[in-house]
Amino acid sequence: MLLKPKIKLDRVTDITVEMLKKRNIQGLILDVDNTLSTHHGQTLTEGLPEWLAYMRENGIKLTVLSNSNTKRLTPFAAKIGLDFIAMGLKPLPFGFFRAVKALGLPKKQVATVGDQIFTDTLGGNIAGVTTILLTPILPETSLRFRFKRWLERGVYRLYHIEKTEE
């Protein structure tokens, strides 16, 4: 069940401290594209600054892991005040391991948050962290992404992936 997330939500701002504490999660590895902003965008999603402050105020450690390059991530990470790991090579587990180490927590206390089953969920499950799958902010238009999203719809049906009620 490497493709099935532990938690399925619509938006990053749906993640609550109570939900995390219930699972003893003290750190989050955050994807950027279609998770915190639109694909290759620099605009923060609505409510993101407040949500980040809420997480920090409640002791949740945060870092960014993305397959994007440093040039794309540097200005975005500066806007949200987080460290990042670029070129994470997700779904390979190495970037996840680096992010867990950067958070300074055991992996059982870490969750990864992203919008793609074949990178974020698969990689997080391989790395042994809790996986939180989000609905993409905005559908991508490239043929490659449309094909990936088509394959993901099959995984949703196969594993009966539905929104987690918390």
C-alpha atoms as a PDB file:
ATOM      1  CA  MET A   1       0.000   0.000   0.000  1.00  0.00           C
ATOM      2  CA  LEU A   2       2.865   2.357  -0.809  1.00  0.00           C
ATOM      3  CA  LEU A   3       0.545   4.543  -2.892  1.00  0.00           C
ATOM      4  CA  LYS A   4      -2.096   5.048  -0.204  1.00  0.00           C
ATOM      5  CA  PRO A   5      -1.790   8.110   2.054  1.00  0.00           C
ATOM      6  CA  LYS A   6      -2.527   7.898   5.769  1.00  0.00           C
ATOM      7  CA  ILE A   7      -4.516  11.151   5.601  1.00  0.00           C
ATOM      8  CA  LYS A   8      -6.348  12.807   2.669  1.00  0.00           C
ATOM      9  CA  LEU A   9      -7.383  16.459   2.904  1.00  0.00           C
ATOM     10  CA  ASP A  10      -8.221  19.263   0.494  1.00  0.00           C
ATOM     11  CA  ARG A  11      -5.822  22.032   1.537  1.00  0.00           C
ATOM     12  CA  VAL A  12      -2.725  22.406   3.698  1.00  0.00           C
ATOM     13  CA  THR A  13      -4.727  24.754   5.929  1.00  0.00           C
ATOM     14  CA  ASP A  14      -7.054  21.823   6.755  1.00  0.00           C
ATOM     15  CA  ILE A  15      -4.223  20.272   8.790  1.00  0.00           C
ATOM     16  CA  THR A  16      -4.737  21.065  12.464  1.00  0.00           C
ATOM     17  CA  VAL A  17      -2.417  20.845  15.438  1.00  0.00           C
ATOM     18  CA  GLU A  18      -4.968  18.583  17.147  1.00  0.00           C
ATOM     19  CA  MET A  19      -4.871  16.174  14.183  1.00  0.00           C
ATOM     20  CA  LEU A  20      -1.077  16.057  14.336  1.00  0.00           C
ATOM     21  CA  LYS A  21      -0.833  15.715  18.135  1.00  0.00           C
ATOM     22  CA  LYS A  22      -3.329  12.837  18.039  1.00  0.00           C
ATOM     23  CA  ARG A  23      -0.799  10.990  15.853  1.00  0.00           C
ATOM     24  CA  ASN A  24       2.258  12.262  17.796  1.00  0.00           C
ATOM     25  CA  ILE A  25       3.438  14.181  14.729  1.00  0.00           C
ATOM     26  CA  GLN A  26       5.743  17.047  15.655  1.00  0.00           C
ATOM     27  CA  GLY A  27       7.194  17.951  12.261  1.00  0.00           C
ATOM     28  CA  LEU A  28       5.989  18.461   8.698  1.00  0.00           C
ATOM     29  CA  ILE A  29       7.851  18.111   5.414  1.00  0.00           C
ATOM     30  CA  LEU A  30       6.031  20.390   2.981  1.00  0.00           C
ATOM     31  CA  ASP A  31       5.909  20.180  -0.797  1.00  0.00           C
ATOM     32  CA  VAL A  32       5.571  23.517  -2.634  1.00  0.00           C
ATOM     33  CA  ASP A  33       4.011  23.152  -6.082  1.00  0.00           C
ATOM     34  CA  ASN A  34       0.233  22.708  -5.856  1.00  0.00           C
ATOM     35  CA  THR A  35       0.555  22.333  -2.075  1.00  0.00           C
ATOM     36  CA  LEU A  36       1.629  25.761  -0.781  1.00  0.00           C
ATOM     37  CA  SER A  37       1.343  27.612  -4.112  1.00  0.00           C
ATOM     38  CA  THR A  38       0.256  26.909  -7.665  1.00  0.00           C
ATOM     39  CA  HIS A  39       2.661  24.938  -9.873  1.00  0.00           C
ATOM     40  CA  HIS A  40       5.804  27.085 -10.283  1.00  0.00           C
ATOM     41  CA  GLY A  41       3.971  29.992  -8.615  1.00  0.00           C
ATOM     42  CA  GLN A  42       5.328  32.421  -6.040  1.00  0.00           C
ATOM     43  CA  THR A  43       1.965  33.500  -4.598  1.00  0.00           C
ATOM     44  CA  LEU A  44       1.080  32.052  -1.199  1.00  0.00           C
ATOM     45  CA  THR A  45      -2.268  30.280  -0.973  1.00  0.00           C
ATOM     46  CA  GLU A  46      -5.005  31.970   0.997  1.00  0.00           C
ATOM     47  CA  GLY A  47      -4.498  31.561   4.735  1.00  0.00           C
ATOM     48  CA  LEU A  48      -0.999  30.083   4.399  1.00  0.00           C
ATOM     49  CA  PRO A  49       0.893  32.729   6.431  1.00  0.00           C
ATOM     50  CA  GLU A  50      -1.599  32.386   9.302  1.00  0.00           C
ATOM     51  CA  TRP A  51      -1.475  28.581   9.136  1.00  0.00           C
ATOM     52  CA  LEU A  52       2.342  28.581   9.217  1.00  0.00           C
ATOM     53  CA  ALA A  53       2.271  30.903  12.246  1.00  0.00           C
ATOM     54  CA  TYR A  54      -0.311  28.633  13.942  1.00  0.00           C
ATOM     55  CA  MET A  55       1.899  25.587  13.382  1.00  0.00           C
ATOM     56  CA  ARG A  56       5.016  27.362  14.685  1.00  0.00           C
ATOM     57  CA  GLU A  57       3.193  28.749  17.738  1.00  0.00           C
ATOM     58  CA  ASN A  58       2.171  25.212  18.611  1.00  0.00           C
ATOM     59  CA  GLY A  59       5.672  23.770  18.312  1.00  0.00           C
ATOM     60  CA  ILE A  60       5.302  22.016  14.963  1.00  0.00           C
ATOM     61  CA  LYS A  61       8.621  22.012  13.114  1.00  0.00           C
ATOM     62  CA  LEU A  62       8.450  22.749   9.385  1.00  0.00           C
ATOM     63  CA  THR A  63      10.707  22.322   6.375  1.00  0.00           C
ATOM     64  CA  VAL A  64      10.255  22.228   2.594  1.00  0.00           C
ATOM     65  CA  LEU A  65      11.202  19.338   0.301  1.00  0.00           C
ATOM     66  CA  SER A  66      10.708  19.826  -3.421  1.00  0.00           C
ATOM     67  CA  ASN A  67      11.826  18.387  -6.720  1.00  0.00           C
ATOM     68  CA  SER A  68      12.178  21.991  -7.926  1.00  0.00           C
ATOM     69  CA  ASN A  69      15.557  23.671  -8.210  1.00  0.00           C
ATOM     70  CA  THR A  70      17.173  26.145  -5.821  1.00  0.00           C
ATOM     71  CA  LYS A  71      16.464  29.107  -8.126  1.00  0.00           C
ATOM     72  CA  ARG A  72      12.718  28.419  -7.934  1.00  0.00           C
ATOM     73  CA  LEU A  73      12.656  27.641  -4.198  1.00  0.00           C
ATOM     74  CA  THR A  74      14.891  30.379  -2.749  1.00  0.00           C
ATOM     75  CA  PRO A  75      12.438  33.289  -3.147  1.00  0.00           C
ATOM     76  CA  PHE A  76       9.451  31.181  -2.127  1.00  0.00           C
ATOM     77  CA  ALA A  77      11.137  29.789   0.999  1.00  0.00           C
ATOM     78  CA  ALA A  78      12.195  33.324   1.941  1.00  0.00           C
ATOM     79  CA  LYS A  79       8.547  34.453   1.763  1.00  0.00           C
ATOM     80  CA  ILE A  80       7.469  31.747   4.207  1.00  0.00           C
ATOM     81  CA  GLY A  81      10.600  31.757   6.346  1.00  0.00           C
ATOM     82  CA  LEU A  82      11.462  28.076   5.984  1.00  0.00           C
ATOM     83  CA  ASP A  83      14.569  26.097   5.146  1.00  0.00           C
ATOM     84  CA  PHE A  84      14.310  23.899   2.088  1.00  0.00           C
ATOM     85  CA  ILE A  85      15.799  20.958   0.264  1.00  0.00           C
ATOM     86  CA  ALA A  86      15.775  21.409  -3.511  1.00  0.00           C
ATOM     87  CA  MET A  87      16.046  18.691  -6.133  1.00  0.00           C
ATOM     88  CA  GLY A  88      14.673  16.195  -3.610  1.00  0.00           C
ATOM     89  CA  LEU A  89      14.416  13.417  -6.224  1.00  0.00           C
ATOM     90  CA  LYS A  90      11.029  12.318  -4.861  1.00  0.00           C
ATOM     91  CA  PRO A  91       9.861   9.539  -4.704  1.00  0.00           C
ATOM     92  CA  LEU A  92      13.347   8.337  -3.797  1.00  0.00           C
ATOM     93  CA  PRO A  93      13.641   8.410  -0.003  1.00  0.00           C
ATOM     94  CA  PHE A  94      16.927  10.321   0.288  1.00  0.00           C
ATOM     95  CA  GLY A  95      15.380  13.804   0.312  1.00  0.00           C
ATOM     96  CA  PHE A  96      12.862  12.669   2.917  1.00  0.00           C
ATOM     97  CA  PHE A  97      15.684  11.308   5.088  1.00  0.00           C
ATOM     98  CA  ARG A  98      17.514  14.653   4.816  1.00  0.00           C
ATOM     99  CA  ALA A  99      14.331  16.540   5.731  1.00  0.00           C
ATOM    100  CA  VAL A 100      13.693  14.307   8.765  1.00  0.00           C
ATOM    101  CA  LYS A 101      17.277  14.885   9.900  1.00  0.00           C
ATOM    102  CA  ALA A 102      16.883  18.654   9.409  1.00  0.00           C
ATOM    103  CA  LEU A 103      13.771  18.605  11.599  1.00  0.00           C
ATOM    104  CA  GLY A 104      15.716  16.777  14.322  1.00  0.00           C
ATOM    105  CA  LEU A 105      12.896  14.333  14.981  1.00  0.00           C
ATOM    106  CA  PRO A 106      12.456  10.567  14.701  1.00  0.00           C
ATOM    107  CA  LYS A 107      10.670   9.712  11.445  1.00  0.00           C
ATOM    108  CA  LYS A 108       7.671   8.327  13.351  1.00  0.00           C
ATOM    109  CA  GLN A 109       7.037  11.923  14.532  1.00  0.00           C
ATOM    110  CA  VAL A 110       7.159  13.383  10.998  1.00  0.00           C
ATOM    111  CA  ALA A 111       4.563  13.669   8.231  1.00  0.00           C
ATOM    112  CA  THR A 112       5.046  14.704   4.638  1.00  0.00           C
ATOM    113  CA  VAL A 113       2.452  16.869   2.919  1.00  0.00           C
ATOM    114  CA  GLY A 114       1.985  17.013  -0.842  1.00  0.00           C
ATOM    115  CA  ASP A 115      -0.413  16.755  -3.763  1.00  0.00           C
ATOM    116  CA  GLN A 116       1.041  13.884  -5.812  1.00  0.00           C
ATOM    117  CA  ILE A 117       0.636  10.177  -5.135  1.00  0.00           C
ATOM    118  CA  PHE A 118       3.631   9.094  -7.241  1.00  0.00           C
ATOM    119  CA  THR A 119       6.102  11.505  -5.625  1.00  0.00           C
ATOM    120  CA  ASP A 120       4.913  12.758  -2.229  1.00  0.00           C
ATOM    121  CA  THR A 121       2.859   9.790  -1.008  1.00  0.00           C
ATOM    122  CA  LEU A 122       5.028   7.039  -2.495  1.00  0.00           C
ATOM    123  CA  GLY A 123       8.263   8.673  -1.327  1.00  0.00           C
ATOM    124  CA  GLY A 124       6.940   9.407   2.151  1.00  0.00           C
ATOM    125  CA  ASN A 125       5.688   5.846   2.575  1.00  0.00           C
ATOM    126  CA  ILE A 126       9.019   4.424   1.382  1.00  0.00           C
ATOM    127  CA  ALA A 127      10.833   6.713   3.844  1.00  0.00           C
ATOM    128  CA  GLY A 128       8.564   5.595   6.696  1.00  0.00           C
ATOM    129  CA  VAL A 129       6.914   8.926   7.539  1.00  0.00           C
ATOM    130  CA  THR A 130       3.189   9.603   7.801  1.00  0.00           C
ATOM    131  CA  THR A 131       1.761  10.765   4.473  1.00  0.00           C
ATOM    132  CA  ILE A 132      -0.810  13.519   4.008  1.00  0.00           C
ATOM    133  CA  LEU A 133      -2.181  13.839   0.467  1.00  0.00           C
ATOM    134  CA  LEU A 134      -3.836  17.095  -0.577  1.00  0.00           C
ATOM    135  CA  THR A 135      -6.062  17.974  -3.496  1.00  0.00           C
ATOM    136  CA  PRO A 136      -3.963  19.953  -6.023  1.00  0.00           C
ATOM    137  CA  ILE A 137      -4.581  23.699  -5.827  1.00  0.00           C
ATOM    138  CA  LEU A 138      -4.874  24.063  -9.601  1.00  0.00           C
ATOM    139  CA  PRO A 139      -4.839  21.334 -12.276  1.00  0.00           C
ATOM    140  CA  GLU A 140      -1.688  21.343 -14.392  1.00  0.00           C
ATOM    141  CA  THR A 141      -2.140  21.546 -18.146  1.00  0.00           C
ATOM    142  CA  SER A 142       0.924  19.758 -19.522  1.00  0.00           C
ATOM    143  CA  LEU A 143       0.433  16.349 -21.123  1.00  0.00           C
ATOM    144  CA  ARG A 144       2.849  14.764 -18.623  1.00  0.00           C
ATOM    145  CA  PHE A 145       0.860  16.023 -15.632  1.00  0.00           C
ATOM    146  CA  ARG A 146      -2.514  15.209 -17.182  1.00  0.00           C
ATOM    147  CA  PHE A 147      -1.289  11.638 -17.695  1.00  0.00           C
ATOM    148  CA  LYS A 148      -0.009  11.415 -14.089  1.00  0.00           C
ATOM    149  CA  ARG A 149      -3.323  12.751 -12.750  1.00  0.00           C
ATOM    150  CA  TRP A 150      -5.181  10.182 -14.883  1.00  0.00           C
ATOM    151  CA  LEU A 151      -3.079   7.404 -13.341  1.00  0.00           C
ATOM    152  CA  GLU A 152      -3.692   8.869  -9.870  1.00  0.00           C
ATOM    153  CA  ARG A 153      -7.465   8.671 -10.402  1.00  0.00           C
ATOM    154  CA  GLY A 154      -7.020   4.917 -10.833  1.00  0.00           C
ATOM    155  CA  VAL A 155      -5.098   4.719  -7.548  1.00  0.00           C
ATOM    156  CA  TYR A 156      -7.858   6.735  -5.815  1.00  0.00           C
ATOM    157  CA  ARG A 157     -10.413   4.151  -7.006  1.00  0.00           C
ATOM    158  CA  LEU A 158      -8.211   1.125  -6.273  1.00  0.00           C
ATOM    159  CA  TYR A 159      -7.488   2.155  -2.670  1.00  0.00           C
ATOM    160  CA  HIS A 160     -10.787   3.986  -2.040  1.00  0.00           C
ATOM    161  CA  ILE A 161      -8.914   7.159  -1.129  1.00  0.00           C
ATOM    162  CA  GLU A 162     -11.350   9.683   0.278  1.00  0.00           C
ATOM    163  CA  LYS A 163     -11.085  12.800   2.391  1.00  0.00           C
ATOM    164  CA  THR A 164     -10.154  12.045   5.984  1.00  0.00           C
ATOM    165  CA  GLU A 165     -12.644  13.431   8.469  1.00  0.00           C
ATOM    166  CA  GLU A 166     -10.871  14.851  11.484  1.00  0.00           C
END
